[in-house]
Structure formats: structure tokens, C-alpha cells
Amino acid sequence: MNEDETILTTDRLAVHGIEAVGHHGVFDFERRDGQVFRVDLVLGLDTRPAAVSDDLADTVDYGSLVDRVKTAIETDPVDLIEKLAQRIADLCLADERVSQAQVTVHKPEAPIAATFSDVALTITRSRG
């Protein structure tokens, strides 16, 4: 099975707009003052066990995951959103039921000397 087939046969759980203030960036003022970051998640997983059991233990507890993502944004500052996105993807893939994680990190207040609405990085990571 190729990667495209895996995506098509895997269920997807999405959480959009997780928001927290982080102190990430390469400039001193970004580290000092902080800024809003938003994160979107799309997780590939098999939801059939939870559909049969109707039990939260058989699926990803997205409430707990959102709490961990928020903590990842708020702590341990890094220079680049690439590193933050990877950190969050690793959190998602720590749950063995998640086969794939697509993470988008939005930095709408990025220090750019032009009018813009958003800077966003999307990464996709798979188990294995």
C-alpha cells in the first residue's frame, strides 16, 4: 500500500485553532514579549474500535491532547516554528493509535515588515 492509499483508508480526526501564547522566535523581543500561536491538527487513526465500544479509552482523547499541545506552545521556547511543529507532531504520534499527524503552526504576529494575514507551516509525520 502506498502513502496515498494509507491516507484514504485512515480515518481523520481534526482539531483546529488551538491557541496559546508562546515565546518562540529568533529575535529577543519575541522571546521576551511572546505572541499568539495557533495550531491545527489532523490525525490519521482507525476509529472503528471506538465506534464499536463507544468508549473513550479506545480512541484519542483530543481534550487531553489539546492540553499537551497548549503546554508545548507555552513552554520551552525555540527559535523556529519548524521545531515547534515537530515537537507537536511527536506528541501526537506518542499515542500508538495515531498513524499520521499533520500539524500546522500559525504565527499571525510574525515580525514581518509588510501587511500579511498569517505565516503558517504545515508538516506531516507518520509512524515508523
Protein backbone atom coordinates (compact mmCIF):
# COMPACT_ATOMS: atom_id res chain seq x y z
CA MET A 1 0.00 0.00 0.00
CA ASN A 2 1.42 3.39 -0.93
CA GLU A 3 1.19 6.54 1.19
CA ASP A 4 -1.81 7.94 -0.72
CA GLU A 5 -3.79 4.74 -0.11
CA THR A 6 -2.92 4.88 3.60
CA ILE A 7 -4.32 8.40 3.85
CA LEU A 8 -7.51 7.39 2.06
CA THR A 9 -8.13 4.33 4.25
CA THR A 10 -7.33 6.03 7.55
CA ASP A 11 -9.95 7.95 9.49
CA ARG A 12 -9.12 11.56 10.27
CA LEU A 13 -9.63 13.47 13.49
CA ALA A 14 -9.14 17.23 13.21
CA VAL A 15 -8.77 19.92 15.86
CA HIS A 16 -8.41 23.46 14.52
CA GLY A 17 -7.40 26.71 16.16
CA ILE A 18 -5.62 25.60 19.34
CA GLU A 19 -4.37 28.93 20.64
CA ALA A 20 -1.73 29.82 23.21
CA VAL A 21 0.91 32.44 23.84
CA GLY A 22 4.47 31.25 23.26
CA HIS A 23 7.87 32.89 23.42
CA HIS A 24 9.30 31.33 20.26
CA GLY A 25 11.35 33.22 17.69
CA VAL A 26 14.83 34.28 16.75
CA PHE A 27 14.51 37.86 17.99
CA ASP A 28 14.98 38.92 21.61
CA PHE A 29 11.66 40.77 21.71
CA GLU A 30 9.81 37.62 20.56
CA ARG A 31 11.36 35.66 23.42
CA ARG A 32 10.71 38.45 25.91
CA ASP A 33 7.18 39.55 24.93
CA GLY A 34 5.69 36.38 23.48
CA GLN A 35 2.96 36.19 20.86
CA VAL A 36 -0.07 34.15 19.89
CA PHE A 37 0.45 30.86 18.09
CA ARG A 38 -2.37 28.77 16.64
CA VAL A 39 -2.15 25.09 15.84
CA ASP A 40 -4.32 22.87 13.65
CA LEU A 41 -4.09 19.08 13.93
CA VAL A 42 -5.27 16.37 11.57
CA LEU A 43 -4.63 12.88 12.92
CA GLY A 44 -4.86 9.64 11.00
CA LEU A 45 -6.22 6.81 13.10
CA ASP A 46 -8.61 3.87 12.99
CA THR A 47 -11.79 4.92 14.80
CA ARG A 48 -13.60 1.58 14.36
CA PRO A 49 -12.70 0.23 17.84
CA ALA A 50 -14.22 3.34 19.47
CA ALA A 51 -17.25 3.20 17.18
CA VAL A 52 -17.93 -0.36 18.35
CA SER A 53 -17.22 0.14 22.06
CA ASP A 54 -18.40 3.77 22.46
CA ASP A 55 -15.53 4.05 24.97
CA LEU A 56 -13.09 6.97 25.14
CA ALA A 57 -10.32 4.54 26.07
CA ASP A 58 -10.50 3.15 22.52
CA THR A 59 -9.66 6.40 20.75
CA VAL A 60 -7.55 9.53 21.05
CA ASP A 61 -8.69 11.76 23.91
CA TYR A 62 -8.48 15.01 21.99
CA GLY A 63 -9.19 17.06 25.12
CA SER A 64 -6.03 15.75 26.78
CA LEU A 65 -4.09 16.09 23.54
CA VAL A 66 -5.11 19.75 23.21
CA ASP A 67 -3.88 20.37 26.77
CA ARG A 68 -0.49 18.84 25.88
CA VAL A 69 -0.26 20.88 22.66
CA LYS A 70 -1.09 24.08 24.55
CA THR A 71 1.65 23.28 27.07
CA ALA A 72 4.09 22.61 24.20
CA ILE A 73 3.36 26.08 22.81
CA GLU A 74 3.64 27.81 26.19
CA THR A 75 6.89 26.23 27.39
CA ASP A 76 10.50 25.63 26.30
CA PRO A 77 10.97 28.42 23.72
CA VAL A 78 12.60 27.55 20.39
CA ASP A 79 13.84 29.71 17.54
CA LEU A 80 11.87 28.20 14.66
CA ILE A 81 8.27 27.14 14.10
CA GLU A 82 9.71 24.09 12.32
CA LYS A 83 10.99 22.81 15.67
CA LEU A 84 7.72 23.63 17.42
CA ALA A 85 5.73 21.80 14.73
CA GLN A 86 7.95 18.72 15.08
CA ARG A 87 7.54 18.79 18.87
CA ILE A 88 3.77 18.79 18.46
CA ALA A 89 3.83 16.03 15.83
CA ASP A 90 5.88 13.90 18.23
CA LEU A 91 3.24 14.46 20.93
CA CYS A 92 0.52 13.29 18.57
CA LEU A 93 2.45 10.22 17.44
CA ALA A 94 3.19 9.24 21.05
CA ASP A 95 -0.30 7.69 21.04
CA GLU A 96 0.14 4.34 19.27
CA ARG A 97 -3.31 4.64 17.69
CA VAL A 98 -2.18 7.68 15.65
CA SER A 99 -0.60 6.54 12.39
CA GLN A 100 -0.13 10.00 10.92
CA ALA A 101 -0.12 13.58 12.21
CA GLN A 102 -0.49 16.72 10.13
CA VAL A 103 0.41 19.78 12.18
CA THR A 104 0.01 23.38 11.08
CA VAL A 105 1.61 26.07 13.22
CA HIS A 106 0.29 29.58 12.58
CA LYS A 107 2.32 32.61 13.62
CA PRO A 108 -0.01 35.51 12.76
CA GLU A 109 2.09 38.10 14.59
CA ALA A 110 5.39 37.19 12.93
CA PRO A 111 7.80 40.14 12.74
CA ILE A 112 7.45 40.93 9.04
CA ALA A 113 7.69 44.49 7.70
CA ALA A 114 4.70 44.12 5.38
CA THR A 115 0.96 43.64 5.60
CA PHE A 116 0.09 39.94 5.83
CA SER A 117 -2.57 37.84 7.49
CA ASP A 118 -0.65 34.77 8.62
CA VAL A 119 2.53 32.75 8.47
CA ALA A 120 1.87 29.03 8.63
CA LEU A 121 3.98 25.89 8.43
CA THR A 122 2.36 22.51 7.81
CA ILE A 123 4.22 19.26 8.36
CA THR A 124 3.06 15.68 8.02
CA ARG A 125 4.69 12.90 10.00
CA SER A 126 3.92 9.19 10.02
CA ARG A 127 4.64 6.41 12.42
CA GLY A 128 7.71 4.41 11.54
